[in-house]
Amino acid sequence: MKHKERSLVNLGASVSWRQKKNIFSQKKTMNQFEKISEEEDRIGKAIVNAAYEVHKELGPGLLEKVYEVCFCHLLRKAGFDVHRQLMV
């Protein structure tokens, strides 16, 4: 059993064997995706870096709100306009 297939089973996902086969047979290569803009790339990197820094400094076990506040603070320091917990 492949690693990805095991993870679906371990998570108790109610996915049929045929659905799993379709999921794993739909491998995409990088050239099938649209290129992102430099601005989207910059935003994405800032988000990943802020998340990494928060996790590295605080570690696991705190309330989600603590991580959220620190994460948003780092993004604001990086010059982004950040809004938390907006109604959708």
PDB file of N, CA and C in Angstrom:
ATOM      1  N   MET A   1       0.847  -1.173   0.000  1.00  0.00           N
ATOM      2  CA  MET A   1       0.000   0.000   0.000  1.00  0.00           C
ATOM      3  C   MET A   1       0.894   1.240   0.000  1.00  0.00           C
ATOM      4  N   LYS A   2       0.620   2.195  -0.875  1.00  0.00           N
ATOM      5  CA  LYS A   2       1.424   3.406  -0.962  1.00  0.00           C
ATOM      6  C   LYS A   2       1.172   4.293   0.258  1.00  0.00           C
ATOM      7  N   HIS A   3       2.133   5.199   0.522  1.00  0.00           N
ATOM      8  CA  HIS A   3       2.040   6.078   1.688  1.00  0.00           C
ATOM      9  C   HIS A   3       0.778   6.930   1.635  1.00  0.00           C
ATOM     10  N   LYS A   4       0.489   7.536   0.478  1.00  0.00           N
ATOM     11  CA  LYS A   4      -0.687   8.397   0.373  1.00  0.00           C
ATOM     12  C   LYS A   4      -1.961   7.595   0.624  1.00  0.00           C
ATOM     13  N   GLU A   5      -2.004   6.395   0.089  1.00  0.00           N
ATOM     14  CA  GLU A   5      -3.179   5.553   0.266  1.00  0.00           C
ATOM     15  C   GLU A   5      -3.352   5.184   1.731  1.00  0.00           C
ATOM     16  N   ARG A   6      -2.252   4.877   2.414  1.00  0.00           N
ATOM     17  CA  ARG A   6      -2.323   4.551   3.842  1.00  0.00           C
ATOM     18  C   ARG A   6      -2.858   5.723   4.633  1.00  0.00           C
ATOM     19  N   SER A   7      -2.421   6.940   4.284  1.00  0.00           N
ATOM     20  CA  SER A   7      -2.858   8.095   5.060  1.00  0.00           C
ATOM     21  C   SER A   7      -4.363   8.297   4.936  1.00  0.00           C
ATOM     22  N   LEU A   8      -4.934   8.016   3.766  1.00  0.00           N
ATOM     23  CA  LEU A   8      -6.387   8.122   3.632  1.00  0.00           C
ATOM     24  C   LEU A   8      -7.086   7.091   4.503  1.00  0.00           C
ATOM     25  N   VAL A   9      -6.544   5.900   4.542  1.00  0.00           N
ATOM     26  CA  VAL A   9      -7.132   4.846   5.360  1.00  0.00           C
ATOM     27  C   VAL A   9      -6.988   5.181   6.831  1.00  0.00           C
ATOM     28  N   ASN A  10      -5.808   5.643   7.232  1.00  0.00           N
ATOM     29  CA  ASN A  10      -5.567   5.959   8.637  1.00  0.00           C
ATOM     30  C   ASN A  10      -6.453   7.093   9.132  1.00  0.00           C
ATOM     31  N   LEU A  11      -6.778   8.018   8.262  1.00  0.00           N
ATOM     32  CA  LEU A  11      -7.630   9.126   8.675  1.00  0.00           C
ATOM     33  C   LEU A  11      -9.097   8.722   8.709  1.00  0.00           C
ATOM     34  N   GLY A  12      -9.398   7.504   8.284  1.00  0.00           N
ATOM     35  CA  GLY A  12     -10.773   7.030   8.318  1.00  0.00           C
ATOM     36  C   GLY A  12     -11.640   7.677   7.266  1.00  0.00           C
ATOM     37  N   ALA A  13     -11.027   8.127   6.186  1.00  0.00           N
ATOM     38  CA  ALA A  13     -11.799   8.769   5.128  1.00  0.00           C
ATOM     39  C   ALA A  13     -12.707   7.750   4.456  1.00  0.00           C
ATOM     40  N   SER A  14     -13.920   8.143   4.219  1.00  0.00           N
ATOM     41  CA  SER A  14     -14.866   7.235   3.583  1.00  0.00           C
ATOM     42  C   SER A  14     -14.763   7.408   2.072  1.00  0.00           C
ATOM     43  N   VAL A  15     -13.662   6.927   1.522  1.00  0.00           N
ATOM     44  CA  VAL A  15     -13.402   7.028   0.099  1.00  0.00           C
ATOM     45  C   VAL A  15     -13.340   5.614  -0.451  1.00  0.00           C
ATOM     46  N   SER A  16     -14.059   5.377  -1.535  1.00  0.00           N
ATOM     47  CA  SER A  16     -14.072   4.038  -2.110  1.00  0.00           C
ATOM     48  C   SER A  16     -12.739   3.749  -2.796  1.00  0.00           C
ATOM     49  N   TRP A  17     -12.505   2.466  -3.064  1.00  0.00           N
ATOM     50  CA  TRP A  17     -11.270   2.050  -3.725  1.00  0.00           C
ATOM     51  C   TRP A  17     -11.158   2.722  -5.085  1.00  0.00           C
ATOM     52  N   ARG A  18     -12.266   2.813  -5.828  1.00  0.00           N
ATOM     53  CA  ARG A  18     -12.255   3.431  -7.159  1.00  0.00           C
ATOM     54  C   ARG A  18     -11.916   4.921  -7.058  1.00  0.00           C
ATOM     55  N   GLN A  19     -12.458   5.617  -6.050  1.00  0.00           N
ATOM     56  CA  GLN A  19     -12.161   7.034  -5.858  1.00  0.00           C
ATOM     57  C   GLN A  19     -10.688   7.224  -5.524  1.00  0.00           C
ATOM     58  N   LYS A  20     -10.145   6.332  -4.675  1.00  0.00           N
ATOM     59  CA  LYS A  20      -8.722   6.414  -4.341  1.00  0.00           C
ATOM     60  C   LYS A  20      -7.876   6.235  -5.583  1.00  0.00           C
ATOM     61  N   LYS A  21      -8.258   5.259  -6.416  1.00  0.00           N
ATOM     62  CA  LYS A  21      -7.508   5.002  -7.639  1.00  0.00           C
ATOM     63  C   LYS A  21      -7.509   6.246  -8.520  1.00  0.00           C
ATOM     64  N   ASN A  22      -8.651   6.921  -8.631  1.00  0.00           N
ATOM     65  CA  ASN A  22      -8.735   8.132  -9.446  1.00  0.00           C
ATOM     66  C   ASN A  22      -7.903   9.261  -8.860  1.00  0.00           C
ATOM     67  N   ILE A  23      -7.904   9.387  -7.541  1.00  0.00           N
ATOM     68  CA  ILE A  23      -7.123  10.439  -6.890  1.00  0.00           C
ATOM     69  C   ILE A  23      -5.646  10.259  -7.197  1.00  0.00           C
ATOM     70  N   PHE A  24      -5.149   9.036  -7.039  1.00  0.00           N
ATOM     71  CA  PHE A  24      -3.720   8.797  -7.192  1.00  0.00           C
ATOM     72  C   PHE A  24      -3.294   8.741  -8.654  1.00  0.00           C
ATOM     73  N   SER A  25      -4.233   8.526  -9.578  1.00  0.00           N
ATOM     74  CA  SER A  25      -3.856   8.478 -10.984  1.00  0.00           C
ATOM     75  C   SER A  25      -3.869   9.865 -11.616  1.00  0.00           C
ATOM     76  N   GLN A  26      -4.360  10.865 -10.885  1.00  0.00           N
ATOM     77  CA  GLN A  26      -4.436  12.218 -11.427  1.00  0.00           C
ATOM     78  C   GLN A  26      -3.237  13.052 -10.992  1.00  0.00           C
ATOM     79  N   LYS A  27      -2.054  12.527 -11.206  1.00  0.00           N
ATOM     80  CA  LYS A  27      -0.843  13.259 -10.839  1.00  0.00           C
ATOM     81  C   LYS A  27      -0.641  14.403 -11.815  1.00  0.00           C
ATOM     82  N   LYS A  28      -0.343  15.559 -11.283  1.00  0.00           N
ATOM     83  CA  LYS A  28      -0.115  16.730 -12.126  1.00  0.00           C
ATOM     84  C   LYS A  28       1.347  17.113 -12.064  1.00  0.00           C
ATOM     85  N   THR A  29       1.839  17.554 -13.180  1.00  0.00           N
ATOM     86  CA  THR A  29       3.208  18.046 -13.215  1.00  0.00           C
ATOM     87  C   THR A  29       3.176  19.560 -13.130  1.00  0.00           C
ATOM     88  N   MET A  30       4.309  20.142 -12.843  1.00  0.00           N
ATOM     89  CA  MET A  30       4.378  21.594 -12.644  1.00  0.00           C
ATOM     90  C   MET A  30       3.919  22.369 -13.873  1.00  0.00           C
ATOM     91  N   ASN A  31       4.133  21.842 -15.065  1.00  0.00           N
ATOM     92  CA  ASN A  31       3.753  22.591 -16.256  1.00  0.00           C
ATOM     93  C   ASN A  31       2.249  22.583 -16.507  1.00  0.00           C
ATOM     94  N   GLN A  32       1.469  21.867 -15.727  1.00  0.00           N
ATOM     95  CA  GLN A  32       0.020  21.869 -15.881  1.00  0.00           C
ATOM     96  C   GLN A  32      -0.646  22.970 -15.057  1.00  0.00           C
ATOM     97  N   PHE A  33       0.088  23.636 -14.198  1.00  0.00           N
ATOM     98  CA  PHE A  33      -0.472  24.682 -13.359  1.00  0.00           C
ATOM     99  C   PHE A  33      -0.132  26.051 -13.940  1.00  0.00           C
ATOM    100  N   GLU A  34      -1.006  27.010 -13.671  1.00  0.00           N
ATOM    101  CA  GLU A  34      -0.747  28.370 -14.118  1.00  0.00           C
ATOM    102  C   GLU A  34       0.368  28.976 -13.291  1.00  0.00           C
ATOM    103  N   LYS A  35       1.170  29.793 -13.907  1.00  0.00           N
ATOM    104  CA  LYS A  35       2.222  30.499 -13.181  1.00  0.00           C
ATOM    105  C   LYS A  35       1.571  31.548 -12.290  1.00  0.00           C
ATOM    106  N   ILE A  36       2.158  31.742 -11.111  1.00  0.00           N
ATOM    107  CA  ILE A  36       1.638  32.788 -10.231  1.00  0.00           C
ATOM    108  C   ILE A  36       2.449  34.055 -10.439  1.00  0.00           C
ATOM    109  N   SER A  37       1.851  35.165 -10.101  1.00  0.00           N
ATOM    110  CA  SER A  37       2.533  36.443 -10.276  1.00  0.00           C
ATOM    111  C   SER A  37       3.607  36.615  -9.206  1.00  0.00           C
ATOM    112  N   GLU A  38       4.480  37.560  -9.417  1.00  0.00           N
ATOM    113  CA  GLU A  38       5.527  37.838  -8.426  1.00  0.00           C
ATOM    114  C   GLU A  38       4.912  38.288  -7.104  1.00  0.00           C
ATOM    115  N   GLU A  39       3.818  39.037  -7.181  1.00  0.00           N
ATOM    116  CA  GLU A  39       3.137  39.506  -5.966  1.00  0.00           C
ATOM    117  C   GLU A  39       2.550  38.332  -5.184  1.00  0.00           C
ATOM    118  N   GLU A  40       1.907  37.393  -5.879  1.00  0.00           N
ATOM    119  CA  GLU A  40       1.364  36.206  -5.215  1.00  0.00           C
ATOM    120  C   GLU A  40       2.485  35.367  -4.608  1.00  0.00           C
ATOM    121  N   ASP A  41       3.596  35.275  -5.302  1.00  0.00           N
ATOM    122  CA  ASP A  41       4.743  34.530  -4.795  1.00  0.00           C
ATOM    123  C   ASP A  41       5.297  35.188  -3.532  1.00  0.00           C
ATOM    124  N   ARG A  42       5.397  36.509  -3.548  1.00  0.00           N
ATOM    125  CA  ARG A  42       5.898  37.260  -2.387  1.00  0.00           C
ATOM    126  C   ARG A  42       4.972  37.079  -1.186  1.00  0.00           C
ATOM    127  N   ILE A  43       3.668  37.146  -1.409  1.00  0.00           N
ATOM    128  CA  ILE A  43       2.699  36.971  -0.330  1.00  0.00           C
ATOM    129  C   ILE A  43       2.780  35.556   0.230  1.00  0.00           C
ATOM    130  N   GLY A  44       2.821  34.572  -0.643  1.00  0.00           N
ATOM    131  CA  GLY A  44       2.896  33.190  -0.209  1.00  0.00           C
ATOM    132  C   GLY A  44       4.137  32.907   0.614  1.00  0.00           C
ATOM    133  N   LYS A  45       5.275  33.428   0.169  1.00  0.00           N
ATOM    134  CA  LYS A  45       6.525  33.228   0.914  1.00  0.00           C
ATOM    135  C   LYS A  45       6.462  33.902   2.278  1.00  0.00           C
ATOM    136  N   ALA A  46       5.866  35.095   2.335  1.00  0.00           N
ATOM    137  CA  ALA A  46       5.748  35.806   3.617  1.00  0.00           C
ATOM    138  C   ALA A  46       4.869  35.021   4.586  1.00  0.00           C
ATOM    139  N   ILE A  47       3.796  34.427   4.093  1.00  0.00           N
ATOM    140  CA  ILE A  47       2.894  33.650   4.938  1.00  0.00           C
ATOM    141  C   ILE A  47       3.603  32.417   5.481  1.00  0.00           C
ATOM    142  N   VAL A  48       4.284  31.696   4.603  1.00  0.00           N
ATOM    143  CA  VAL A  48       4.995  30.490   5.039  1.00  0.00           C
ATOM    144  C   VAL A  48       6.096  30.846   6.035  1.00  0.00           C
ATOM    145  N   ASN A  49       6.847  31.907   5.753  1.00  0.00           N
ATOM    146  CA  ASN A  49       7.923  32.315   6.662  1.00  0.00           C
ATOM    147  C   ASN A  49       7.384  32.731   8.031  1.00  0.00           C
ATOM    148  N   ALA A  50       6.276  33.474   8.042  1.00  0.00           N
ATOM    149  CA  ALA A  50       5.692  33.903   9.314  1.00  0.00           C
ATOM    150  C   ALA A  50       5.191  32.689  10.106  1.00  0.00           C
ATOM    151  N   ALA A  51       4.544  31.754   9.430  1.00  0.00           N
ATOM    152  CA  ALA A  51       4.053  30.548  10.108  1.00  0.00           C
ATOM    153  C   ALA A  51       5.221  29.750  10.685  1.00  0.00           C
ATOM    154  N   TYR A  52       6.299  29.639   9.922  1.00  0.00           N
ATOM    155  CA  TYR A  52       7.480  28.902  10.389  1.00  0.00           C
ATOM    156  C   TYR A  52       8.090  29.575  11.616  1.00  0.00           C
ATOM    157  N   GLU A  53       8.234  30.895  11.561  1.00  0.00           N
ATOM    158  CA  GLU A  53       8.828  31.633  12.676  1.00  0.00           C
ATOM    159  C   GLU A  53       7.993  31.497  13.949  1.00  0.00           C
ATOM    160  N   VAL A  54       6.677  31.609  13.817  1.00  0.00           N
ATOM    161  CA  VAL A  54       5.796  31.479  14.980  1.00  0.00           C
ATOM    162  C   VAL A  54       5.936  30.084  15.582  1.00  0.00           C
ATOM    163  N   HIS A  55       5.909  29.066  14.737  1.00  0.00           N
ATOM    164  CA  HIS A  55       6.016  27.699  15.241  1.00  0.00           C
ATOM    165  C   HIS A  55       7.391  27.460  15.881  1.00  0.00           C
ATOM    166  N   LYS A  56       8.432  27.987  15.258  1.00  0.00           N
ATOM    167  CA  LYS A  56       9.793  27.799  15.783  1.00  0.00           C
ATOM    168  C   LYS A  56       9.954  28.465  17.151  1.00  0.00           C
ATOM    169  N   GLU A  57       9.404  29.650  17.310  1.00  0.00           N
ATOM    170  CA  GLU A  57       9.561  30.393  18.563  1.00  0.00           C
ATOM    171  C   GLU A  57       8.654  29.888  19.678  1.00  0.00           C
ATOM    172  N   LEU A  58       7.398  29.567  19.344  1.00  0.00           N
ATOM    173  CA  LEU A  58       6.430  29.221  20.379  1.00  0.00           C
ATOM    174  C   LEU A  58       6.292  27.723  20.618  1.00  0.00           C
ATOM    175  N   GLY A  59       6.545  26.924  19.581  1.00  0.00           N
ATOM    176  CA  GLY A  59       6.382  25.480  19.726  1.00  0.00           C
ATOM    177  C   GLY A  59       4.921  25.094  19.817  1.00  0.00           C
ATOM    178  N   PRO A  60       4.640  23.831  20.078  1.00  0.00           N
ATOM    179  CA  PRO A  60       3.255  23.357  20.125  1.00  0.00           C
ATOM    180  C   PRO A  60       2.608  23.564  21.488  1.00  0.00           C
ATOM    181  N   GLY A  61       1.284  23.448  21.528  1.00  0.00           N
ATOM    182  CA  GLY A  61       0.574  23.385  22.799  1.00  0.00           C
ATOM    183  C   GLY A  61      -0.157  24.625  23.250  1.00  0.00           C
ATOM    184  N   LEU A  62      -0.080  25.706  22.487  1.00  0.00           N
ATOM    185  CA  LEU A  62      -0.784  26.922  22.897  1.00  0.00           C
ATOM    186  C   LEU A  62      -2.140  27.002  22.206  1.00  0.00           C
ATOM    187  N   LEU A  63      -2.966  27.930  22.656  1.00  0.00           N
ATOM    188  CA  LEU A  63      -4.261  28.137  22.021  1.00  0.00           C
ATOM    189  C   LEU A  63      -4.068  28.715  20.629  1.00  0.00           C
ATOM    190  N   GLU A  64      -4.990  28.397  19.740  1.00  0.00           N
ATOM    191  CA  GLU A  64      -4.913  28.879  18.355  1.00  0.00           C
ATOM    192  C   GLU A  64      -4.821  30.399  18.293  1.00  0.00           C
ATOM    193  N   LYS A  65      -5.532  31.078  19.191  1.00  0.00           N
ATOM    194  CA  LYS A  65      -5.550  32.545  19.187  1.00  0.00           C
ATOM    195  C   LYS A  65      -4.142  33.117  19.402  1.00  0.00           C
ATOM    196  N   VAL A  66      -3.344  32.483  20.218  1.00  0.00           N
ATOM    197  CA  VAL A  66      -1.976  32.950  20.473  1.00  0.00           C
ATOM    198  C   VAL A  66      -1.165  32.899  19.185  1.00  0.00           C
ATOM    199  N   TYR A  67      -1.257  31.776  18.481  1.00  0.00           N
ATOM    200  CA  TYR A  67      -0.534  31.648  17.217  1.00  0.00           C
ATOM    201  C   TYR A  67      -1.030  32.665  16.193  1.00  0.00           C
ATOM    202  N   GLU A  68      -2.345  32.867  16.164  1.00  0.00           N
ATOM    203  CA  GLU A  68      -2.949  33.797  15.214  1.00  0.00           C
ATOM    204  C   GLU A  68      -2.452  35.226  15.449  1.00  0.00           C
ATOM    205  N   VAL A  69      -2.436  35.649  16.706  1.00  0.00           N
ATOM    206  CA  VAL A  69      -1.990  37.004  17.034  1.00  0.00           C
ATOM    207  C   VAL A  69      -0.525  37.204  16.623  1.00  0.00           C
ATOM    208  N   CYS A  70       0.317  36.235  16.949  1.00  0.00           N
ATOM    209  CA  CYS A  70       1.741  36.332  16.605  1.00  0.00           C
ATOM    210  C   CYS A  70       1.958  36.284  15.101  1.00  0.00           C
ATOM    211  N   PHE A  71       1.233  35.418  14.420  1.00  0.00           N
ATOM    212  CA  PHE A  71       1.318  35.282  12.973  1.00  0.00           C
ATOM    213  C   PHE A  71       0.938  36.594  12.293  1.00  0.00           C
ATOM    214  N   CYS A  72      -0.164  37.188  12.717  1.00  0.00           N
ATOM    215  CA  CYS A  72      -0.609  38.456  12.135  1.00  0.00           C
ATOM    216  C   CYS A  72       0.369  39.576  12.436  1.00  0.00           C
ATOM    217  N   HIS A  73       0.945  39.571  13.633  1.00  0.00           N
ATOM    218  CA  HIS A  73       1.931  40.584  14.001  1.00  0.00           C
ATOM    219  C   HIS A  73       3.142  40.531  13.063  1.00  0.00           C
ATOM    220  N   LEU A  74       3.629  39.333  12.796  1.00  0.00           N
ATOM    221  CA  LEU A  74       4.772  39.198  11.891  1.00  0.00           C
ATOM    222  C   LEU A  74       4.436  39.658  10.475  1.00  0.00           C
ATOM    223  N   LEU A  75       3.228  39.352  10.024  1.00  0.00           N
ATOM    224  CA  LEU A  75       2.828  39.796   8.684  1.00  0.00           C
ATOM    225  C   LEU A  75       2.685  41.317   8.624  1.00  0.00           C
ATOM    226  N   ARG A  76       2.177  41.924   9.700  1.00  0.00           N
ATOM    227  CA  ARG A  76       2.087  43.394   9.732  1.00  0.00           C
ATOM    228  C   ARG A  76       3.473  44.023   9.725  1.00  0.00           C
ATOM    229  N   LYS A  77       4.403  43.415  10.485  1.00  0.00           N
ATOM    230  CA  LYS A  77       5.782  43.914  10.483  1.00  0.00           C
ATOM    231  C   LYS A  77       6.405  43.822   9.095  1.00  0.00           C
ATOM    232  N   ALA A  78       5.972  42.864   8.312  1.00  0.00           N
ATOM    233  CA  ALA A  78       6.480  42.688   6.947  1.00  0.00           C
ATOM    234  C   ALA A  78       5.783  43.624   5.963  1.00  0.00           C
ATOM    235  N   GLY A  79       4.822  44.432   6.458  1.00  0.00           N
ATOM    236  CA  GLY A  79       4.189  45.432   5.609  1.00  0.00           C
ATOM    237  C   GLY A  79       2.853  45.039   5.012  1.00  0.00           C
ATOM    238  N   PHE A  80       2.261  43.955   5.481  1.00  0.00           N
ATOM    239  CA  PHE A  80       0.977  43.522   4.960  1.00  0.00           C
ATOM    240  C   PHE A  80      -0.167  44.066   5.794  1.00  0.00           C
ATOM    241  N   ASP A  81      -1.298  44.333   5.136  1.00  0.00           N
ATOM    242  CA  ASP A  81      -2.523  44.760   5.822  1.00  0.00           C
ATOM    243  C   ASP A  81      -3.270  43.487   6.198  1.00  0.00           C
ATOM    244  N   VAL A  82      -3.328  43.189   7.489  1.00  0.00           N
ATOM    245  CA  VAL A  82      -3.865  41.914   7.967  1.00  0.00           C
ATOM    246  C   VAL A  82      -5.136  42.156   8.775  1.00  0.00           C
ATOM    247  N   HIS A  83      -6.168  41.372   8.480  1.00  0.00           N
ATOM    248  CA  HIS A  83      -7.416  41.400   9.233  1.00  0.00           C
ATOM    249  C   HIS A  83      -7.665  40.000   9.757  1.00  0.00           C
ATOM    250  N   ARG A  84      -8.075  39.897  11.016  1.00  0.00           N
ATOM    251  CA  ARG A  84      -8.292  38.596  11.637  1.00  0.00           C
ATOM    252  C   ARG A  84      -9.764  38.266  11.752  1.00  0.00           C
ATOM    253  N   GLN A  85     -10.100  36.992  11.582  1.00  0.00           N
ATOM    254  CA  GLN A  85     -11.417  36.433  11.854  1.00  0.00           C
ATOM    255  C   GLN A  85     -12.559  37.252  11.264  1.00  0.00           C
ATOM    256  N   LEU A  86     -12.516  37.489   9.963  1.00  0.00           N
ATOM    257  CA  LEU A  86     -13.572  38.243   9.302  1.00  0.00           C
ATOM    258  C   LEU A  86     -14.777  37.356   9.049  1.00  0.00           C
ATOM    259  N   MET A  87     -15.960  37.943   9.102  1.00  0.00           N
ATOM    260  CA  MET A  87     -17.183  37.212   8.776  1.00  0.00           C
ATOM    261  C   MET A  87     -17.219  36.994   7.270  1.00  0.00           C
ATOM    262  N   VAL A  88     -17.629  35.799   6.869  1.00  0.00           N
ATOM    263  CA  VAL A  88     -17.678  35.475   5.441  1.00  0.00           C
ATOM    264  C   VAL A  88     -19.109  35.489   4.971  1.00  0.00           C
TER     265      VAL A  88
END
